[in-house]
Amino acid sequence: MVLRVFIVSLMCGLTIGIVAIISFFMVVFRQDKRSLHDSMSATYVKRVDPTKVDSSKLI
């Protein structure tokens, strides 16, 4: 029982770790700064100068 919990926890941790590393490298090296979840959901990152944002349109 303990061995099964250990192996499942190890596999889960490795899987999450590998996905996090892939996502990190995608953000660092891609020109459009899209990570794994951005690519999967077809969203994109938009950079905006915060001094030029009209705060009345945010809500």
N, C-alpha and C. Protein backbone atom coordinates (compact mmCIF):
# COMPACT_ATOMS: atom_id res chain seq x y z
N MET A 1 0.82 -1.19 0.00
CA MET A 1 0.00 0.00 0.00
C MET A 1 0.86 1.25 0.00
N VAL A 2 1.88 1.28 0.87
CA VAL A 2 2.75 2.45 0.95
C VAL A 2 3.54 2.61 -0.34
N LEU A 3 4.00 1.49 -0.90
CA LEU A 3 4.75 1.53 -2.14
C LEU A 3 3.89 2.04 -3.29
N ARG A 4 2.63 1.65 -3.33
CA ARG A 4 1.73 2.11 -4.38
C ARG A 4 1.51 3.60 -4.28
N VAL A 5 1.29 4.12 -3.07
CA VAL A 5 1.10 5.56 -2.87
C VAL A 5 2.37 6.31 -3.26
N PHE A 6 3.52 5.77 -2.91
CA PHE A 6 4.79 6.41 -3.25
C PHE A 6 4.98 6.47 -4.76
N ILE A 7 4.71 5.39 -5.46
CA ILE A 7 4.90 5.35 -6.91
C ILE A 7 3.91 6.28 -7.61
N VAL A 8 2.67 6.30 -7.17
CA VAL A 8 1.67 7.19 -7.77
C VAL A 8 2.06 8.65 -7.53
N SER A 9 2.49 8.97 -6.34
CA SER A 9 2.91 10.33 -6.04
C SER A 9 4.13 10.73 -6.86
N LEU A 10 5.07 9.84 -7.01
CA LEU A 10 6.26 10.10 -7.80
C LEU A 10 5.90 10.34 -9.26
N MET A 11 5.05 9.50 -9.82
CA MET A 11 4.65 9.66 -11.22
C MET A 11 3.87 10.95 -11.44
N CYS A 12 3.01 11.29 -10.51
CA CYS A 12 2.25 12.54 -10.60
C CYS A 12 3.18 13.74 -10.53
N GLY A 13 4.12 13.71 -9.61
CA GLY A 13 5.08 14.80 -9.48
C GLY A 13 5.96 14.95 -10.71
N LEU A 14 6.40 13.83 -11.26
CA LEU A 14 7.22 13.89 -12.47
C LEU A 14 6.43 14.46 -13.65
N THR A 15 5.18 14.04 -13.78
CA THR A 15 4.35 14.52 -14.88
C THR A 15 4.12 16.02 -14.77
N ILE A 16 3.76 16.49 -13.59
CA ILE A 16 3.53 17.92 -13.39
C ILE A 16 4.83 18.68 -13.58
N GLY A 17 5.92 18.14 -13.12
CA GLY A 17 7.22 18.79 -13.28
C GLY A 17 7.63 18.92 -14.73
N ILE A 18 7.43 17.87 -15.51
CA ILE A 18 7.79 17.91 -16.93
C ILE A 18 6.93 18.92 -17.67
N VAL A 19 5.65 18.96 -17.38
CA VAL A 19 4.75 19.93 -18.01
C VAL A 19 5.15 21.35 -17.64
N ALA A 20 5.51 21.59 -16.38
CA ALA A 20 5.93 22.92 -15.95
C ALA A 20 7.23 23.34 -16.63
N ILE A 21 8.16 22.42 -16.78
CA ILE A 21 9.42 22.74 -17.46
C ILE A 21 9.19 23.06 -18.93
N ILE A 22 8.37 22.27 -19.60
CA ILE A 22 8.06 22.53 -21.01
C ILE A 22 7.39 23.89 -21.16
N SER A 23 6.44 24.19 -20.29
CA SER A 23 5.75 25.48 -20.34
C SER A 23 6.71 26.64 -20.11
N PHE A 24 7.63 26.47 -19.16
CA PHE A 24 8.62 27.51 -18.86
C PHE A 24 9.50 27.79 -20.08
N PHE A 25 10.00 26.72 -20.71
CA PHE A 25 10.86 26.92 -21.86
C PHE A 25 10.09 27.50 -23.05
N MET A 26 8.82 27.19 -23.17
CA MET A 26 8.02 27.79 -24.23
C MET A 26 7.91 29.30 -24.04
N VAL A 27 7.69 29.74 -22.81
CA VAL A 27 7.58 31.17 -22.54
C VAL A 27 8.91 31.86 -22.77
N VAL A 28 10.00 31.24 -22.36
CA VAL A 28 11.31 31.87 -22.48
C VAL A 28 11.76 31.98 -23.94
N PHE A 29 11.56 30.94 -24.73
CA PHE A 29 12.15 30.91 -26.06
C PHE A 29 11.22 31.26 -27.21
N ARG A 30 9.93 31.27 -26.98
CA ARG A 30 9.02 31.64 -28.07
C ARG A 30 8.95 33.15 -28.20
N GLN A 31 8.85 33.63 -29.41
CA GLN A 31 8.80 35.07 -29.63
C GLN A 31 7.47 35.66 -29.16
N ASP A 32 6.38 34.91 -29.26
CA ASP A 32 5.08 35.43 -28.85
C ASP A 32 4.76 35.14 -27.38
N LYS A 33 5.68 34.49 -26.64
CA LYS A 33 5.57 34.23 -25.20
C LYS A 33 4.34 33.42 -24.81
N ARG A 34 3.91 32.52 -25.69
CA ARG A 34 2.77 31.66 -25.38
C ARG A 34 3.27 30.41 -24.68
N SER A 35 2.62 30.05 -23.59
CA SER A 35 3.00 28.84 -22.87
C SER A 35 2.13 27.68 -23.35
N LEU A 36 2.28 26.55 -22.69
CA LEU A 36 1.57 25.35 -23.10
C LEU A 36 0.05 25.53 -22.99
N HIS A 37 -0.41 26.10 -21.88
CA HIS A 37 -1.86 26.26 -21.73
C HIS A 37 -2.41 27.32 -22.69
N ASP A 38 -1.61 28.32 -23.06
CA ASP A 38 -2.05 29.29 -24.07
C ASP A 38 -2.20 28.61 -25.43
N SER A 39 -1.25 27.76 -25.77
CA SER A 39 -1.31 27.06 -27.06
C SER A 39 -2.49 26.09 -27.10
N MET A 40 -2.76 25.41 -26.01
CA MET A 40 -3.85 24.44 -25.98
C MET A 40 -5.22 25.11 -26.04
N SER A 41 -5.34 26.30 -25.45
CA SER A 41 -6.64 26.96 -25.43
C SER A 41 -6.78 28.03 -26.51
N ALA A 42 -5.77 28.17 -27.37
CA ALA A 42 -5.78 29.12 -28.49
C ALA A 42 -5.93 30.56 -28.02
N THR A 43 -5.27 30.90 -26.91
CA THR A 43 -5.23 32.29 -26.45
C THR A 43 -3.84 32.85 -26.70
N TYR A 44 -3.68 34.13 -26.46
CA TYR A 44 -2.38 34.75 -26.67
C TYR A 44 -2.12 35.79 -25.59
N VAL A 45 -0.88 36.18 -25.48
CA VAL A 45 -0.46 37.17 -24.50
C VAL A 45 -0.40 38.51 -25.21
N LYS A 46 -1.02 39.51 -24.60
CA LYS A 46 -1.01 40.84 -25.18
C LYS A 46 -0.35 41.79 -24.19
N ARG A 47 0.72 42.42 -24.61
CA ARG A 47 1.43 43.35 -23.75
C ARG A 47 0.86 44.75 -23.94
N VAL A 48 0.52 45.39 -22.81
CA VAL A 48 -0.07 46.71 -22.83
C VAL A 48 0.69 47.59 -21.85
N ASP A 49 0.94 48.83 -22.24
CA ASP A 49 1.57 49.79 -21.35
C ASP A 49 0.54 50.20 -20.29
N PRO A 50 0.78 49.93 -19.00
CA PRO A 50 -0.22 50.21 -17.98
C PRO A 50 -0.55 51.69 -17.81
N THR A 51 0.35 52.56 -18.25
CA THR A 51 0.06 54.00 -18.13
C THR A 51 -0.93 54.47 -19.18
N LYS A 52 -1.14 53.68 -20.23
CA LYS A 52 -2.04 54.07 -21.31
C LYS A 52 -3.39 53.34 -21.27
N VAL A 53 -3.67 52.62 -20.21
CA VAL A 53 -4.92 51.86 -20.10
C VAL A 53 -5.98 52.75 -19.47
N ASP A 54 -7.15 52.79 -20.11
CA ASP A 54 -8.28 53.52 -19.56
C ASP A 54 -8.96 52.64 -18.52
N SER A 55 -8.82 52.99 -17.25
CA SER A 55 -9.33 52.14 -16.18
C SER A 55 -10.84 52.05 -16.14
N SER A 56 -11.54 52.97 -16.78
CA SER A 56 -13.00 52.90 -16.77
C SER A 56 -13.52 51.76 -17.66
N LYS A 57 -12.69 51.28 -18.58
CA LYS A 57 -13.11 50.20 -19.48
C LYS A 57 -12.74 48.82 -18.96
N LEU A 58 -12.10 48.74 -17.81
CA LEU A 58 -11.66 47.44 -17.28
C LEU A 58 -12.80 46.63 -16.67
N ILE A 59 -13.80 47.28 -16.17
CA ILE A 59 -14.89 46.56 -15.50
C ILE A 59 -16.14 46.59 -16.33
